[in-house]
Protein backbone atom coordinates (compact mmCIF):
# COMPACT_ATOMS: atom_id res chain seq x y z
CA MET A 1 179.82 -195.65 -3.59
CA HIS A 2 176.34 -195.35 -2.19
CA PRO A 3 173.35 -197.59 -3.00
CA HIS A 4 171.19 -195.91 -6.00
CA ASP A 5 167.82 -195.82 -4.19
CA HIS A 6 167.05 -192.33 -5.42
CA VAL A 7 165.86 -190.87 -8.60
CA HIS A 8 168.42 -189.62 -10.97
CA SER A 9 167.44 -186.61 -13.20
CA HIS A 10 168.66 -186.84 -16.88
CA GLY A 11 167.44 -183.43 -18.13
CA ASP A 12 164.26 -182.84 -20.04
CA GLY A 13 162.17 -186.08 -20.36
CA GLN A 14 160.38 -184.62 -23.64
CA THR A 15 163.68 -184.57 -25.53
CA ILE A 16 164.50 -187.93 -24.47
CA ASP A 17 160.94 -189.01 -25.60
CA LYS A 18 161.53 -187.17 -28.81
CA THR A 19 164.84 -188.60 -29.26
CA LYS A 20 163.30 -192.37 -28.52
CA ALA A 21 160.75 -191.71 -31.19
CA MET A 22 163.08 -190.78 -33.94
CA LEU A 23 165.14 -193.56 -33.32
CA GLY A 24 162.14 -195.61 -33.93
CA TYR A 25 161.38 -193.69 -36.94
CA LEU A 26 164.78 -194.13 -38.36
CA ILE A 27 164.74 -197.95 -37.94
CA ALA A 28 161.38 -197.98 -39.84
CA HIS A 29 162.90 -195.64 -42.45
CA ASN A 30 166.09 -197.88 -43.00
CA ARG A 31 163.71 -200.92 -43.07
CA ASP A 32 161.99 -199.00 -46.00
CA HIS A 33 164.94 -198.22 -47.98
CA ALA A 34 166.31 -201.80 -47.45
CA GLY A 35 163.24 -203.00 -49.11
CA GLU A 36 163.94 -200.79 -52.15
CA LEU A 37 167.51 -201.80 -51.99
CA GLU A 38 166.22 -205.57 -52.17
CA GLY A 39 163.91 -204.55 -55.09
CA ILE A 40 166.70 -203.19 -56.92
CA ALA A 41 169.03 -206.17 -56.23
CA LYS A 42 166.47 -208.18 -57.64
CA LYS A 43 166.47 -206.40 -60.98
CA LEU A 44 169.82 -206.45 -61.34
CA ASP A 45 169.93 -210.27 -60.95
CA GLU A 46 167.21 -210.68 -63.91
CA ALA A 47 169.69 -208.25 -65.93
CA GLY A 48 172.56 -210.30 -65.50
CA PHE A 49 174.33 -208.09 -62.91
CA GLY A 50 174.53 -210.81 -59.93
CA ALA A 51 177.90 -209.32 -58.67
CA ALA A 52 176.38 -205.83 -58.33
CA ALA A 53 173.11 -207.65 -56.76
CA ALA A 54 175.31 -209.36 -54.13
CA LYS A 55 176.90 -206.20 -53.24
CA ILE A 56 173.86 -204.39 -52.70
CA ARG A 57 172.44 -207.19 -50.72
CA ASP A 58 175.41 -207.10 -48.58
CA GLY A 59 174.76 -203.56 -48.11
CA VAL A 60 171.15 -204.42 -46.98
CA ALA A 61 172.48 -206.81 -44.55
CA GLN A 62 174.56 -203.79 -42.94
CA ILE A 63 171.82 -201.70 -42.88
CA SER A 64 169.96 -204.79 -40.82
CA ALA A 65 172.52 -205.33 -38.60
CA GLY A 66 172.87 -201.46 -38.06
CA ASN A 67 169.11 -201.39 -37.16
CA GLU A 68 169.39 -204.32 -34.78
CA ILE A 69 172.13 -202.36 -32.78
CA VAL A 70 170.02 -199.00 -32.82
CA GLY A 71 166.96 -200.77 -31.88
CA ALA A 72 169.01 -202.33 -28.86
CA ALA A 73 170.18 -198.70 -27.93
CA ALA A 74 166.52 -197.52 -28.17
CA GLU A 75 165.26 -200.46 -25.76
CA MET A 76 167.83 -198.96 -23.27
CA ILE A 77 165.78 -195.71 -23.04
CA PRO A 78 162.75 -195.70 -20.86
């Protein structure tokens, strides 16, 4: 092995920039959907469908967890 004191090329920077921007967009998009789903869960709770509301909230938690993972990946891209 040798010290990494030189620059590595990772292809087209514009493509990577677009990819990172897309990740940011998708995270925000998922957050919007999670908010909509939370509203649906609230309506279901009010209508007496607590078990269904709980399942939706479980899904919202999964979306949030996924967003955190994708966000961490996006932060790894300069």
